[in-house]
Protein backbone atom coordinates (compact mmCIF):
# COMPACT_ATOMS: atom_id res chain seq x y z
CA MET A 1 0.02 -0.01 0.04
CA ASN A 2 1.02 3.60 -0.46
CA PHE A 3 0.28 6.36 1.31
CA PRO A 4 -1.73 8.89 1.59
CA MET A 5 -4.71 6.60 0.13
CA VAL A 6 -7.65 8.36 -1.75
CA TYR A 7 -10.97 6.92 -1.74
CA THR A 8 -13.16 8.79 -4.32
CA THR A 9 -17.08 8.47 -4.53
CA ALA A 10 -19.70 10.06 -7.04
CA TYR A 11 -23.22 11.20 -6.30
CA ARG A 12 -25.91 12.06 -8.96
CA TRP A 13 -29.18 13.50 -8.11
CA THR A 14 -32.24 11.67 -9.83
CA GLY A 15 -34.20 14.87 -9.99
CA THR A 16 -36.92 13.87 -7.63
CA GLY A 17 -36.49 15.59 -3.96
CA ASP A 18 -33.28 14.68 -2.10
CA VAL A 19 -33.14 11.24 -3.99
CA GLY A 20 -29.99 10.67 -5.31
CA GLU A 21 -27.45 7.97 -6.35
CA GLU A 22 -24.11 7.19 -4.70
CA GLN A 23 -21.51 4.98 -6.51
CA VAL A 24 -18.04 3.60 -5.14
CA ALA A 25 -15.18 2.68 -7.07
CA GLY A 26 -17.20 1.21 -10.27
CA ASN A 27 -19.66 -0.90 -8.20
CA GLU A 28 -23.51 -0.51 -8.97
CA PRO A 29 -24.82 2.62 -7.52
CA ILE A 30 -26.96 2.74 -4.36
CA ARG A 31 -30.11 5.21 -3.73
CA VAL A 32 -29.46 7.41 -1.38
CA SER A 33 -32.02 10.25 0.23
CA GLY A 34 -32.77 11.94 3.49
CA PRO A 35 -33.28 10.21 6.36
CA MET A 36 -36.43 7.58 6.59
CA VAL A 37 -37.11 7.50 3.27
CA SER A 38 -38.18 3.83 2.38
CA GLY A 39 -36.21 1.92 -0.01
CA ASN A 40 -33.33 4.47 0.15
CA PHE A 41 -30.19 4.60 2.20
CA ASP A 42 -29.68 7.60 4.60
CA PRO A 43 -26.52 9.47 5.36
CA GLU A 44 -27.24 8.75 8.94
CA HIS A 45 -27.79 5.08 8.83
CA LEU A 46 -24.99 4.47 6.03
CA PHE A 47 -22.74 6.66 9.00
CA VAL A 48 -23.85 4.01 12.00
CA ALA A 49 -23.31 1.03 9.39
CA THR A 50 -19.48 2.23 8.66
CA ALA A 51 -18.40 2.15 12.19
CA GLU A 52 -20.20 -1.31 12.41
CA VAL A 53 -18.63 -2.73 9.33
CA CYS A 54 -15.25 -1.36 10.18
CA LEU A 55 -14.98 -2.66 13.51
CA ALA A 56 -15.96 -6.22 11.97
CA ASN A 57 -13.15 -6.00 8.96
CA THR A 58 -10.85 -4.86 11.62
CA PHE A 59 -11.49 -7.90 14.04
CA PHE A 60 -11.19 -10.55 11.22
CA PHE A 61 -7.88 -8.82 10.08
CA PHE A 62 -6.74 -9.70 13.40
CA ALA A 63 -8.26 -12.78 14.28
CA SER A 64 -7.15 -14.30 10.88
CA ASN A 65 -3.58 -13.10 11.70
CA SER A 66 -3.40 -14.85 15.01
CA ARG A 67 -5.30 -17.87 13.51
CA LEU A 68 -8.53 -17.37 15.73
CA ASP A 69 -11.32 -19.65 14.63
CA VAL A 70 -14.43 -17.29 14.52
CA ALA A 71 -17.64 -19.76 14.37
CA ALA A 72 -20.20 -17.03 14.05
CA TYR A 73 -20.11 -13.09 14.26
CA ARG A 74 -23.18 -10.63 14.10
CA SER A 75 -23.58 -7.04 15.49
CA SER A 76 -26.21 -4.50 16.16
CA THR A 77 -25.40 -0.91 16.12
CA GLU A 78 -27.11 1.90 17.46
CA GLY A 79 -26.12 5.82 16.60
CA THR A 80 -27.72 8.33 18.94
CA LEU A 81 -28.59 11.95 17.21
CA GLU A 82 -28.65 14.83 19.20
CA LYS A 83 -29.36 18.64 18.53
CA ALA A 84 -26.01 20.22 18.82
CA PRO A 85 -25.55 23.30 21.31
CA GLU A 86 -24.46 25.46 18.30
CA GLY A 87 -27.44 24.33 16.06
CA GLY A 88 -28.04 21.65 13.75
CA PHE A 89 -27.55 18.05 14.88
CA ARG A 90 -24.65 15.66 15.63
CA PHE A 91 -24.10 12.10 16.58
CA LYS A 92 -23.72 11.84 20.49
CA GLU A 93 -22.41 8.32 20.34
CA VAL A 94 -22.31 5.07 18.68
CA VAL A 95 -22.71 1.59 20.34
CA ILE A 96 -21.73 -1.33 18.60
CA ARG A 97 -22.73 -4.74 20.14
CA PRO A 98 -20.93 -7.66 18.28
CA VAL A 99 -22.00 -11.44 19.36
CA ILE A 100 -19.01 -13.52 18.68
CA SER A 101 -18.90 -17.35 18.93
CA VAL A 102 -15.57 -18.91 19.26
CA GLU A 103 -14.51 -22.14 21.32
CA GLN A 104 -14.52 -21.64 24.90
CA GLN A 105 -10.43 -21.85 25.16
CA ALA A 106 -10.28 -18.96 22.80
CA MET A 107 -12.58 -16.74 24.22
CA GLU A 108 -10.29 -14.83 26.04
CA ARG A 109 -8.19 -14.40 23.04
CA ALA A 110 -11.18 -13.22 21.05
CA GLU A 111 -12.12 -10.59 23.72
CA ARG A 112 -8.38 -8.96 23.72
CA LEU A 113 -8.59 -9.20 19.38
CA LEU A 114 -11.80 -7.38 19.54
CA GLU A 115 -10.31 -4.58 22.17
CA LYS A 116 -7.54 -4.34 19.67
CA ALA A 117 -9.50 -3.98 16.73
CA HIS A 118 -11.57 -1.44 18.45
CA ARG A 119 -8.28 0.58 19.06
CA PHE A 120 -7.30 0.18 15.55
CA CYS A 121 -10.70 0.86 13.75
CA LEU A 122 -10.22 3.60 11.30
CA VAL A 123 -13.43 4.85 11.04
CA ALA A 124 -14.15 4.64 15.09
CA ARG A 125 -10.49 6.63 15.53
CA SER A 126 -11.72 9.45 12.73
CA LEU A 127 -15.08 10.42 14.12
CA CYS A 128 -15.76 12.86 16.27
CA CYS A 129 -18.07 10.98 18.93
CA PRO A 130 -17.49 8.33 21.04
CA VAL A 131 -17.98 4.74 19.76
CA LEU A 132 -18.62 2.15 22.21
CA VAL A 133 -18.21 -1.49 21.80
CA GLU A 134 -20.33 -3.73 24.08
CA PRO A 135 -19.55 -7.49 23.30
CA THR A 136 -21.02 -10.56 23.90
CA PHE A 137 -18.76 -13.96 23.33
CA LEU A 138 -20.71 -17.21 23.26
CA PRO A 139 -19.00 -20.73 23.35
CA THR A 140 -19.10 -22.94 20.15
């Protein structure tokens, strides 16, 4: 990898309300719009999902490097939006709740790797709001 790395996206307005299409690196575009418009992705949900996916990807990077056998991984994430004192809105916090299944003897190692993933997660490190992780570990 060469640094700095540059990531590009492209947005195209559809001509209707606040509905548009967002395209990433030649992939099929996704429909985007303002919050809570059925059938479209909104920036608020994408913001929260980005933190969730980044933690999972970072965890699997470290798990793979340490040869941790993960039987299952799922998560849910909640981002809390608040009114900002200076006006407008901002995210107060993002809470990621992963549920990770590993063999009983690997649970402590999985916990350490998740903590490391949280520290190194690019998105969590880049956000202005706290990103909290509340894991559950299940034996396989």
